[in-house]
Amino acid sequence: MIKEILNKHLKAIQFGWPFVLILVIIFHSCGMTNESAKPKGIIVAEVGDYYLTVDELVKVFGKDWQSKKNKVDDFIRIWAKGKVVGIEADKTLPEKDKDFSRELDSYKTSLLKYSYEAKLLDSALNLDVSKEEIKSYFELNQKNFELKENIIRVRYVKVPKKHKRFNQIKYLLQYKDTVKKEKFFSIVQAENLFCEANDSLWLKLDELKNLIPFKLYNDEHFLRNYNYTEAPDGNAVWMIYFSANRLKKGVAPIEMVKDKIKAIIINQRKQVLIQEKEIELYNIALKNKEIKVYVENK
């Protein structure tokens, strides 16, 4: 029961209901009894005519609730505070301020609407987004994908300073054809060198700086004019080749934002689906004369 009430509490917050209304809902839903009757089971806390039982703690914390002393103590304290405030409110508020029938009815309607929409989306929402849809959205909304940082595609390899093939590795790292690429990776594998070379992955320049101890005195000037640098690291050297870059304030590459675009498109579909269903049901109700309006707007 408590778990169900907490879930209702969270949903109420999502719907924007005020704290007082939530408090009243919890106050009337959790552990309330008649003055002459106590609940069955072992009582662990009591505030006025309200009781918290072991059964309710088991529902929240499981059968091993006694092993979770700190959490249980916190829960009991919060429960008790809520009851104390509720009892005081019941004593001091005039009857007109304690009538929440309309609010509770509206709250119930909102929960029903929320549950209905969730089931509607589960059964009718198309989650497949094509590459064409992503590309079209991207092209129409490029201003929304401005880069906040410099990004790069990069290859890097760590080579001992006195390695016999140092210069050859440096040359092949900057491959632009399949032959040089295969030669480069055959050497890396044969010499057991640490290497990362994924030309499809975009990375923030600052993230690379956190991985490799290299410095650029002016990031944007370097990226505009150079594509290779080295960084000494003890007895080895990091060779770093930038195969592509995009400077901040430019447009992010579509590969980097496609997941975000997909989420936006699906969310738009959700809104359209819900709105279309609302209009459909409204029109059916009008046709069946289930909606009656007695005030005529002029």
C-alpha atoms as a PDB file:
ATOM      1  CA  MET A   1       0.000   0.000   0.000  1.00  0.00           C
ATOM      2  CA  ILE A   2       2.747   2.442   0.953  1.00  0.00           C
ATOM      3  CA  LYS A   3       4.607   1.694  -2.242  1.00  0.00           C
ATOM      4  CA  GLU A   4       1.457   2.377  -4.272  1.00  0.00           C
ATOM      5  CA  ILE A   5       0.944   5.666  -2.439  1.00  0.00           C
ATOM      6  CA  LEU A   6       4.550   6.703  -3.066  1.00  0.00           C
ATOM      7  CA  ASN A   7       4.084   5.933  -6.751  1.00  0.00           C
ATOM      8  CA  LYS A   8       0.948   8.088  -6.791  1.00  0.00           C
ATOM      9  CA  HIS A   9       2.922  10.794  -5.018  1.00  0.00           C
ATOM     10  CA  LEU A  10       5.566  10.781  -7.780  1.00  0.00           C
ATOM     11  CA  LYS A  11       2.908  10.869 -10.502  1.00  0.00           C
ATOM     12  CA  ALA A  12       1.193  13.733  -8.719  1.00  0.00           C
ATOM     13  CA  ILE A  13       4.432  15.695  -8.828  1.00  0.00           C
ATOM     14  CA  GLN A  14       4.695  14.982 -12.569  1.00  0.00           C
ATOM     15  CA  PHE A  15       1.223  16.424 -13.053  1.00  0.00           C
ATOM     16  CA  GLY A  16       2.157  19.502 -11.023  1.00  0.00           C
ATOM     17  CA  TRP A  17      -0.264  19.086  -8.125  1.00  0.00           C
ATOM     18  CA  PRO A  18       0.482  21.171  -5.009  1.00  0.00           C
ATOM     19  CA  PHE A  19       2.100  19.670  -1.937  1.00  0.00           C
ATOM     20  CA  VAL A  20      -1.002  20.189   0.242  1.00  0.00           C
ATOM     21  CA  LEU A  21      -3.120  18.082  -2.103  1.00  0.00           C
ATOM     22  CA  ILE A  22      -0.476  15.349  -2.212  1.00  0.00           C
ATOM     23  CA  LEU A  23      -0.287  15.430   1.584  1.00  0.00           C
ATOM     24  CA  VAL A  24      -4.053  15.018   1.882  1.00  0.00           C
ATOM     25  CA  ILE A  25      -4.004  12.070  -0.542  1.00  0.00           C
ATOM     26  CA  ILE A  26      -1.276  10.336   1.460  1.00  0.00           C
ATOM     27  CA  PHE A  27      -2.933  11.331   4.730  1.00  0.00           C
ATOM     28  CA  HIS A  28      -6.189   9.625   3.736  1.00  0.00           C
ATOM     29  CA  SER A  29      -4.583   6.626   2.049  1.00  0.00           C
ATOM     30  CA  CYS A  30      -1.873   5.310   4.358  1.00  0.00           C
ATOM     31  CA  GLY A  31      -2.362   3.739   7.768  1.00  0.00           C
ATOM     32  CA  MET A  32      -5.636   5.489   8.727  1.00  0.00           C
ATOM     33  CA  THR A  33      -8.019   3.647  11.059  1.00  0.00           C
ATOM     34  CA  ASN A  34     -11.140   4.276  13.049  1.00  0.00           C
ATOM     35  CA  GLU A  35     -10.699   5.452  16.627  1.00  0.00           C
ATOM     36  CA  SER A  36     -12.120   2.219  18.004  1.00  0.00           C
ATOM     37  CA  ALA A  37     -10.112  -0.161  15.822  1.00  0.00           C
ATOM     38  CA  LYS A  38      -6.441  -0.920  15.432  1.00  0.00           C
ATOM     39  CA  PRO A  39      -4.978  -2.684  12.393  1.00  0.00           C
ATOM     40  CA  LYS A  40      -4.096  -6.350  12.514  1.00  0.00           C
ATOM     41  CA  GLY A  41      -0.432  -7.189  12.825  1.00  0.00           C
ATOM     42  CA  ILE A  42       2.476  -5.791  14.768  1.00  0.00           C
ATOM     43  CA  ILE A  43       2.390  -2.003  15.130  1.00  0.00           C
ATOM     44  CA  VAL A  44       5.782  -0.295  14.819  1.00  0.00           C
ATOM     45  CA  ALA A  45       4.652   3.336  15.085  1.00  0.00           C
ATOM     46  CA  GLU A  46       1.574   5.248  16.132  1.00  0.00           C
ATOM     47  CA  VAL A  47       0.508   8.871  15.683  1.00  0.00           C
ATOM     48  CA  GLY A  48      -2.969   9.703  16.969  1.00  0.00           C
ATOM     49  CA  ASP A  49      -5.369   7.302  15.265  1.00  0.00           C
ATOM     50  CA  TYR A  50      -2.828   6.310  12.618  1.00  0.00           C
ATOM     51  CA  TYR A  51      -0.717   3.163  12.762  1.00  0.00           C
ATOM     52  CA  LEU A  52       2.290   1.862  10.850  1.00  0.00           C
ATOM     53  CA  THR A  53       2.628  -1.923  10.863  1.00  0.00           C
ATOM     54  CA  VAL A  54       5.328  -4.455  10.153  1.00  0.00           C
ATOM     55  CA  ASP A  55       3.346  -5.632   7.125  1.00  0.00           C
ATOM     56  CA  GLU A  56       3.662  -2.191   5.590  1.00  0.00           C
ATOM     57  CA  LEU A  57       7.425  -2.100   6.244  1.00  0.00           C
ATOM     58  CA  VAL A  58       7.747  -5.502   4.571  1.00  0.00           C
ATOM     59  CA  LYS A  59       5.967  -4.131   1.494  1.00  0.00           C
ATOM     60  CA  VAL A  60       8.453  -1.258   1.297  1.00  0.00           C
ATOM     61  CA  PHE A  61      11.743  -2.865   2.407  1.00  0.00           C
ATOM     62  CA  GLY A  62      11.157  -6.603   2.034  1.00  0.00           C
ATOM     63  CA  LYS A  63      11.153  -9.367   4.635  1.00  0.00           C
ATOM     64  CA  ASP A  64      14.658  -8.422   5.797  1.00  0.00           C
ATOM     65  CA  TRP A  65      13.505  -4.907   6.772  1.00  0.00           C
ATOM     66  CA  GLN A  66      15.072  -5.282  10.228  1.00  0.00           C
ATOM     67  CA  SER A  67      18.550  -5.387   8.649  1.00  0.00           C
ATOM     68  CA  LYS A  68      17.964  -1.943   7.115  1.00  0.00           C
ATOM     69  CA  LYS A  69      17.764  -0.058  10.389  1.00  0.00           C
ATOM     70  CA  ASN A  70      18.840   3.377   9.153  1.00  0.00           C
ATOM     71  CA  LYS A  71      16.466   3.362   6.178  1.00  0.00           C
ATOM     72  CA  VAL A  72      13.580   2.069   8.281  1.00  0.00           C
ATOM     73  CA  ASP A  73      14.237   4.708  10.962  1.00  0.00           C
ATOM     74  CA  ASP A  74      14.223   7.435   8.308  1.00  0.00           C
ATOM     75  CA  PHE A  75      11.012   6.068   6.808  1.00  0.00           C
ATOM     76  CA  ILE A  76       9.250   5.960  10.197  1.00  0.00           C
ATOM     77  CA  ARG A  77      10.402   9.492  10.986  1.00  0.00           C
ATOM     78  CA  ILE A  78       9.094  10.820   7.649  1.00  0.00           C
ATOM     79  CA  TRP A  79       5.831   8.884   8.099  1.00  0.00           C
ATOM     80  CA  ALA A  80       5.361  10.297  11.593  1.00  0.00           C
ATOM     81  CA  LYS A  81       6.117  13.857  10.521  1.00  0.00           C
ATOM     82  CA  GLY A  82       3.573  13.562   7.737  1.00  0.00           C
ATOM     83  CA  LYS A  83       0.903  12.316  10.135  1.00  0.00           C
ATOM     84  CA  VAL A  84       1.648  15.048  12.685  1.00  0.00           C
ATOM     85  CA  VAL A  85       1.280  17.751  10.024  1.00  0.00           C
ATOM     86  CA  GLY A  86      -1.857  16.081   8.678  1.00  0.00           C
ATOM     87  CA  ILE A  87      -3.481  15.883  12.113  1.00  0.00           C
ATOM     88  CA  GLU A  88      -2.647  19.516  12.846  1.00  0.00           C
ATOM     89  CA  ALA A  89      -4.055  20.546   9.475  1.00  0.00           C
ATOM     90  CA  ASP A  90      -7.243  18.597  10.182  1.00  0.00           C
ATOM     91  CA  LYS A  91      -7.603  20.359  13.537  1.00  0.00           C
ATOM     92  CA  THR A  92      -6.918  23.909  12.445  1.00  0.00           C
ATOM     93  CA  LEU A  93      -8.209  24.232   8.878  1.00  0.00           C
ATOM     94  CA  PRO A  94     -11.851  25.246   8.372  1.00  0.00           C
ATOM     95  CA  GLU A  95     -14.077  22.695   6.656  1.00  0.00           C
ATOM     96  CA  LYS A  96     -14.100  24.641   3.392  1.00  0.00           C
ATOM     97  CA  ASP A  97     -10.301  24.351   3.228  1.00  0.00           C
ATOM     98  CA  LYS A  98     -10.444  20.589   3.793  1.00  0.00           C
ATOM     99  CA  ASP A  99     -12.794  19.836   0.933  1.00  0.00           C
ATOM    100  CA  PHE A 100     -10.590  18.444  -1.820  1.00  0.00           C
ATOM    101  CA  SER A 101     -13.279  16.518  -3.667  1.00  0.00           C
ATOM    102  CA  ARG A 102     -12.828  18.527  -6.867  1.00  0.00           C
ATOM    103  CA  GLU A 103      -9.049  18.360  -6.693  1.00  0.00           C
ATOM    104  CA  LEU A 104      -9.111  14.621  -6.023  1.00  0.00           C
ATOM    105  CA  ASP A 105     -11.514  14.090  -8.912  1.00  0.00           C
ATOM    106  CA  SER A 106      -9.231  16.122 -11.181  1.00  0.00           C
ATOM    107  CA  TYR A 107      -6.235  14.188  -9.883  1.00  0.00           C
ATOM    108  CA  LYS A 108      -7.968  10.877 -10.641  1.00  0.00           C
ATOM    109  CA  THR A 109      -8.847  12.097 -14.146  1.00  0.00           C
ATOM    110  CA  SER A 110      -5.234  13.098 -14.742  1.00  0.00           C
ATOM    111  CA  LEU A 111      -3.973   9.693 -13.588  1.00  0.00           C
ATOM    112  CA  LEU A 112      -6.479   7.930 -15.838  1.00  0.00           C
ATOM    113  CA  LYS A 113      -5.435  10.141 -18.770  1.00  0.00           C
ATOM    114  CA  TYR A 114      -1.767   9.455 -18.023  1.00  0.00           C
ATOM    115  CA  SER A 115      -2.336   5.670 -17.906  1.00  0.00           C
ATOM    116  CA  TYR A 116      -4.463   5.707 -21.066  1.00  0.00           C
ATOM    117  CA  GLU A 117      -1.862   7.718 -22.987  1.00  0.00           C
ATOM    118  CA  ALA A 118       0.908   5.372 -21.823  1.00  0.00           C
ATOM    119  CA  LYS A 119      -0.984   2.322 -23.116  1.00  0.00           C
ATOM    120  CA  LEU A 120      -1.837   4.145 -26.336  1.00  0.00           C
ATOM    121  CA  LEU A 121       1.832   4.927 -26.948  1.00  0.00           C
ATOM    122  CA  ASP A 122       2.866   1.359 -26.135  1.00  0.00           C
ATOM    123  CA  SER A 123       0.446  -0.071 -28.679  1.00  0.00           C
ATOM    124  CA  ALA A 124       0.440   2.506 -31.484  1.00  0.00           C
ATOM    125  CA  LEU A 125       3.685   4.484 -31.442  1.00  0.00           C
ATOM    126  CA  ASN A 126       6.099   3.757 -34.288  1.00  0.00           C
ATOM    127  CA  LEU A 127       9.658   3.753 -32.919  1.00  0.00           C
ATOM    128  CA  ASP A 128      11.379   3.183 -36.262  1.00  0.00           C
ATOM    129  CA  VAL A 129      13.131   6.297 -37.572  1.00  0.00           C
ATOM    130  CA  SER A 130      14.719   6.108 -41.021  1.00  0.00           C
ATOM    131  CA  LYS A 131      18.021   7.633 -42.067  1.00  0.00           C
ATOM    132  CA  GLU A 132      16.080   9.854 -44.462  1.00  0.00           C
ATOM    133  CA  GLU A 133      13.964  11.260 -41.620  1.00  0.00           C
ATOM    134  CA  ILE A 134      17.051  11.941 -39.518  1.00  0.00           C
ATOM    135  CA  LYS A 135      18.825  13.613 -42.436  1.00  0.00           C
ATOM    136  CA  SER A 136      15.791  15.749 -43.289  1.00  0.00           C
ATOM    137  CA  TYR A 137      15.361  16.938 -39.699  1.00  0.00           C
ATOM    138  CA  PHE A 138      19.082  17.662 -39.434  1.00  0.00           C
ATOM    139  CA  GLU A 139      19.136  19.756 -42.605  1.00  0.00           C
ATOM    140  CA  LEU A 140      16.102  21.790 -41.520  1.00  0.00           C
ATOM    141  CA  ASN A 141      17.364  22.410 -37.983  1.00  0.00           C
ATOM    142  CA  GLN A 142      21.130  22.798 -38.254  1.00  0.00           C
ATOM    143  CA  LYS A 143      21.089  25.943 -36.097  1.00  0.00           C
ATOM    144  CA  ASN A 144      20.001  23.731 -33.172  1.00  0.00           C
ATOM    145  CA  PHE A 145      23.150  21.624 -33.440  1.00  0.00           C
ATOM    146  CA  GLU A 146      25.870  24.231 -33.002  1.00  0.00           C
ATOM    147  CA  LEU A 147      29.042  22.812 -31.499  1.00  0.00           C
ATOM    148  CA  LYS A 148      30.025  24.051 -28.055  1.00  0.00           C
ATOM    149  CA  GLU A 149      33.509  22.499 -28.283  1.00  0.00           C
ATOM    150  CA  ASN A 150      36.097  21.553 -30.877  1.00  0.00           C
ATOM    151  CA  ILE A 151      35.713  17.942 -31.990  1.00  0.00           C
ATOM    152  CA  ILE A 152      38.092  15.691 -33.868  1.00  0.00           C
ATOM    153  CA  ARG A 153      38.557  12.330 -35.491  1.00  0.00           C
ATOM    154  CA  VAL A 154      41.933  11.061 -34.427  1.00  0.00           C
ATOM    155  CA  ARG A 155      44.470   8.266 -34.712  1.00  0.00           C
ATOM    156  CA  TYR A 156      47.197   7.844 -32.133  1.00  0.00           C
ATOM    157  CA  VAL A 157      49.890   5.339 -31.340  1.00  0.00           C
ATOM    158  CA  LYS A 158      52.475   5.109 -28.554  1.00  0.00           C
ATOM    159  CA  VAL A 159      55.953   4.273 -29.866  1.00  0.00           C
ATOM    160  CA  PRO A 160      59.294   3.863 -28.010  1.00  0.00           C
ATOM    161  CA  LYS A 161      61.602   6.801 -28.825  1.00  0.00           C
ATOM    162  CA  LYS A 162      64.337   4.522 -30.162  1.00  0.00           C
ATOM    163  CA  HIS A 163      62.056   2.200 -32.089  1.00  0.00           C
ATOM    164  CA  LYS A 164      63.766   1.056 -35.285  1.00  0.00           C
ATOM    165  CA  ARG A 165      60.667   1.771 -37.381  1.00  0.00           C
ATOM    166  CA  PHE A 166      59.799   5.094 -35.704  1.00  0.00           C
ATOM    167  CA  ASN A 167      59.771   7.184 -38.886  1.00  0.00           C
ATOM    168  CA  GLN A 168      57.951   4.536 -40.893  1.00  0.00           C
ATOM    169  CA  ILE A 169      55.182   4.314 -38.274  1.00  0.00           C
ATOM    170  CA  LYS A 170      54.892   8.115 -38.262  1.00  0.00           C
ATOM    171  CA  TYR A 171      54.515   8.117 -42.034  1.00  0.00           C
ATOM    172  CA  LEU A 172      52.015   5.235 -42.193  1.00  0.00           C
ATOM    173  CA  LEU A 173      49.872   6.640 -39.338  1.00  0.00           C
ATOM    174  CA  GLN A 174      48.818   9.358 -41.781  1.00  0.00           C
ATOM    175  CA  TYR A 175      47.531   6.817 -44.328  1.00  0.00           C
ATOM    176  CA  LYS A 176      44.994   7.876 -46.918  1.00  0.00           C
ATOM    177  CA  ASP A 177      44.694   4.623 -48.846  1.00  0.00           C
ATOM    178  CA  THR A 178      44.050   0.965 -48.046  1.00  0.00           C
ATOM    179  CA  VAL A 179      47.584  -0.231 -48.813  1.00  0.00           C
ATOM    180  CA  LYS A 180      49.243   2.107 -46.287  1.00  0.00           C
ATOM    181  CA  LYS A 181      46.480   1.435 -43.775  1.00  0.00           C
ATOM    182  CA  GLU A 182      47.033  -2.333 -43.902  1.00  0.00           C
ATOM    183  CA  LYS A 183      50.803  -1.861 -43.649  1.00  0.00           C
ATOM    184  CA  PHE A 184      50.378   0.424 -40.606  1.00  0.00           C
ATOM    185  CA  PHE A 185      48.173  -2.035 -38.716  1.00  0.00           C
ATOM    186  CA  SER A 186      50.419  -4.986 -39.547  1.00  0.00           C
ATOM    187  CA  ILE A 187      53.360  -3.156 -37.918  1.00  0.00           C
ATOM    188  CA  VAL A 188      51.264  -2.115 -34.888  1.00  0.00           C
ATOM    189  CA  GLN A 189      50.191  -5.727 -34.379  1.00  0.00           C
ATOM    190  CA  ALA A 190      53.644  -7.209 -34.960  1.00  0.00           C
ATOM    191  CA  GLU A 191      55.329  -4.715 -32.584  1.00  0.00           C
ATOM    192  CA  ASN A 192      52.513  -4.891 -30.000  1.00  0.00           C
ATOM    193  CA  LEU A 193      52.031  -1.099 -29.909  1.00  0.00           C
ATOM    194  CA  PHE A 194      49.166   0.680 -28.206  1.00  0.00           C
ATOM    195  CA  CYS A 195      47.021   2.273 -30.898  1.00  0.00           C
ATOM    196  CA  GLU A 196      43.567   3.801 -31.443  1.00  0.00           C
ATOM    197  CA  ALA A 197      42.494   4.593 -35.002  1.00  0.00           C
ATOM    198  CA  ASN A 198      38.750   4.827 -35.496  1.00  0.00           C
ATOM    199  CA  ASP A 199      38.004   7.323 -38.264  1.00  0.00           C
ATOM    200  CA  SER A 200      34.240   7.042 -37.730  1.00  0.00           C
ATOM    201  CA  LEU A 201      34.324   8.225 -34.114  1.00  0.00           C
ATOM    202  CA  TRP A 202      34.043  11.910 -33.211  1.00  0.00           C
ATOM    203  CA  LEU A 203      35.754  12.923 -29.980  1.00  0.00           C
ATOM    204  CA  LYS A 204      35.943  16.197 -28.071  1.00  0.00           C
ATOM    205  CA  LEU A 205      39.443  17.642 -28.273  1.00  0.00           C
ATOM    206  CA  ASP A 206      39.499  18.222 -24.508  1.00  0.00           C
ATOM    207  CA  GLU A 207      38.688  14.550 -23.934  1.00  0.00           C
ATOM    208  CA  LEU A 208      41.742  13.584 -25.961  1.00  0.00           C
ATOM    209  CA  LYS A 209      43.879  15.990 -23.921  1.00  0.00           C
ATOM    210  CA  ASN A 210      42.776  14.166 -20.790  1.00  0.00           C
ATOM    211  CA  LEU A 211      43.933  10.881 -22.290  1.00  0.00           C
ATOM    212  CA  ILE A 212      47.250  11.954 -23.791  1.00  0.00           C
ATOM    213  CA  PRO A 213      49.747  14.483 -22.323  1.00  0.00           C
ATOM    214  CA  PHE A 214      49.950  16.877 -25.274  1.00  0.00           C
ATOM    215  CA  LYS A 215      49.472  20.642 -25.493  1.00  0.00           C
ATOM    216  CA  LEU A 216      48.286  22.955 -28.230  1.00  0.00           C
ATOM    217  CA  TYR A 217      48.906  26.628 -27.552  1.00  0.00           C
ATOM    218  CA  ASN A 218      46.018  27.627 -29.799  1.00  0.00           C
ATOM    219  CA  ASP A 219      43.578  24.822 -30.507  1.00  0.00           C
ATOM    220  CA  GLU A 220      41.675  26.398 -33.372  1.00  0.00           C
ATOM    221  CA  HIS A 221      44.805  27.705 -35.129  1.00  0.00           C
ATOM    222  CA  PHE A 222      46.360  24.234 -34.946  1.00  0.00           C
ATOM    223  CA  LEU A 223      43.263  22.435 -36.218  1.00  0.00           C
ATOM    224  CA  ARG A 224      42.918  24.858 -39.114  1.00  0.00           C
ATOM    225  CA  ASN A 225      46.536  24.514 -40.230  1.00  0.00           C
ATOM    226  CA  TYR A 226      47.966  21.184 -39.024  1.00  0.00           C
ATOM    227  CA  ASN A 227      46.923  17.593 -38.585  1.00  0.00           C
ATOM    228  CA  TYR A 228      49.891  15.955 -36.836  1.00  0.00           C
ATOM    229  CA  THR A 229      51.642  16.409 -33.512  1.00  0.00           C
ATOM    230  CA  GLU A 230      53.738  14.439 -31.033  1.00  0.00           C
ATOM    231  CA  ALA A 231      53.799  14.244 -27.233  1.00  0.00           C
ATOM    232  CA  PRO A 232      56.800  12.827 -25.312  1.00  0.00           C
ATOM    233  CA  ASP A 233      55.832  10.456 -22.504  1.00  0.00           C
ATOM    234  CA  GLY A 234      58.844   9.051 -20.642  1.00  0.00           C
ATOM    235  CA  ASN A 235      60.762   6.729 -22.945  1.00  0.00           C
ATOM    236  CA  ALA A 236      57.989   6.800 -25.531  1.00  0.00           C
ATOM    237  CA  VAL A 237      56.293   9.261 -27.855  1.00  0.00           C
ATOM    238  CA  TRP A 238      52.608   9.632 -28.639  1.00  0.00           C
ATOM    239  CA  MET A 239      52.105  10.133 -32.384  1.00  0.00           C
ATOM    240  CA  ILE A 240      48.795  11.911 -32.978  1.00  0.00           C
ATOM    241  CA  TYR A 241      47.147  12.378 -36.362  1.00  0.00           C
ATOM    242  CA  PHE A 242      43.876  14.291 -36.752  1.00  0.00           C
ATOM    243  CA  SER A 243      42.012  12.842 -39.724  1.00  0.00           C
ATOM    244  CA  ALA A 244      39.122  15.351 -39.452  1.00  0.00           C
ATOM    245  CA  ASN A 245      37.889  18.181 -37.256  1.00  0.00           C
ATOM    246  CA  ARG A 246      34.960  20.518 -36.655  1.00  0.00           C
ATOM    247  CA  LEU A 247      35.495  23.777 -34.790  1.00  0.00           C
ATOM    248  CA  LYS A 248      33.171  25.052 -32.084  1.00  0.00           C
ATOM    249  CA  LYS A 249      30.290  27.256 -33.230  1.00  0.00           C
ATOM    250  CA  GLY A 250      30.172  25.198 -36.392  1.00  0.00           C
ATOM    251  CA  VAL A 251      27.500  22.567 -37.054  1.00  0.00           C
ATOM    252  CA  ALA A 252      27.905  19.191 -35.379  1.00  0.00           C
ATOM    253  CA  PRO A 253      28.264  16.220 -37.764  1.00  0.00           C
ATOM    254  CA  ILE A 254      25.065  14.270 -38.227  1.00  0.00           C
ATOM    255  CA  GLU A 255      26.710  11.097 -36.913  1.00  0.00           C
ATOM    256  CA  MET A 256      27.213  12.794 -33.566  1.00  0.00           C
ATOM    257  CA  VAL A 257      23.612  13.959 -33.111  1.00  0.00           C
ATOM    258  CA  LYS A 258      21.589  11.239 -34.847  1.00  0.00           C
ATOM    259  CA  ASP A 259      20.503   9.621 -31.564  1.00  0.00           C
ATOM    260  CA  LYS A 260      19.318  12.990 -30.271  1.00  0.00           C
ATOM    261  CA  ILE A 261      17.421  13.635 -33.506  1.00  0.00           C
ATOM    262  CA  LYS A 262      15.806  10.192 -33.321  1.00  0.00           C
ATOM    263  CA  ALA A 263      14.606  10.937 -29.777  1.00  0.00           C
ATOM    264  CA  ILE A 264      13.190  14.312 -30.907  1.00  0.00           C
ATOM    265  CA  ILE A 265      11.308  12.733 -33.830  1.00  0.00           C
ATOM    266  CA  ILE A 266       9.819  10.016 -31.617  1.00  0.00           C
ATOM    267  CA  ASN A 267       8.758  12.606 -29.048  1.00  0.00           C
ATOM    268  CA  GLN A 268       7.072  14.633 -31.787  1.00  0.00           C
ATOM    269  CA  ARG A 269       5.219  11.508 -32.888  1.00  0.00           C
ATOM    270  CA  LYS A 270       4.054  10.995 -29.295  1.00  0.00           C
ATOM    271  CA  GLN A 271       2.571  14.478 -29.164  1.00  0.00           C
ATOM    272  CA  VAL A 272       0.864  14.099 -32.548  1.00  0.00           C
ATOM    273  CA  LEU A 273      -0.548  10.671 -31.662  1.00  0.00           C
ATOM    274  CA  ILE A 274      -1.956  11.905 -28.346  1.00  0.00           C
ATOM    275  CA  GLN A 275      -3.422  15.073 -29.892  1.00  0.00           C
ATOM    276  CA  GLU A 276      -5.019  13.122 -32.758  1.00  0.00           C
ATOM    277  CA  LYS A 277      -6.603  10.661 -30.317  1.00  0.00           C
ATOM    278  CA  GLU A 278      -7.917  13.519 -28.164  1.00  0.00           C
ATOM    279  CA  ILE A 279      -9.507  15.177 -31.197  1.00  0.00           C
ATOM    280  CA  GLU A 280     -10.958  11.852 -32.378  1.00  0.00           C
ATOM    281  CA  LEU A 281     -12.542  11.068 -29.007  1.00  0.00           C
ATOM    282  CA  TYR A 282     -13.806  14.640 -28.640  1.00  0.00           C
ATOM    283  CA  ASN A 283     -15.480  14.576 -32.060  1.00  0.00           C
ATOM    284  CA  ILE A 284     -17.073  11.184 -31.346  1.00  0.00           C
ATOM    285  CA  ALA A 285     -18.421  12.511 -28.044  1.00  0.00           C
ATOM    286  CA  LEU A 286     -19.836  15.576 -29.807  1.00  0.00           C
ATOM    287  CA  LYS A 287     -21.463  13.420 -32.469  1.00  0.00           C
ATOM    288  CA  ASN A 288     -23.031  11.173 -29.826  1.00  0.00           C
ATOM    289  CA  LYS A 289     -24.173  14.251 -27.890  1.00  0.00           C
ATOM    290  CA  GLU A 290     -22.172  13.134 -24.844  1.00  0.00           C
ATOM    291  CA  ILE A 291     -20.862  16.699 -24.436  1.00  0.00           C
ATOM    292  CA  LYS A 292     -23.391  19.323 -23.416  1.00  0.00           C
ATOM    293  CA  VAL A 293     -22.391  22.981 -23.061  1.00  0.00           C
ATOM    294  CA  TYR A 294     -24.994  25.263 -21.504  1.00  0.00           C
ATOM    295  CA  VAL A 295     -23.078  28.559 -21.648  1.00  0.00           C
ATOM    296  CA  GLU A 296     -22.952  30.161 -25.047  1.00  0.00           C
ATOM    297  CA  ASN A 297     -19.882  32.302 -25.743  1.00  0.00           C
ATOM    298  CA  LYS A 298     -20.555  35.511 -27.638  1.00  0.00           C
END
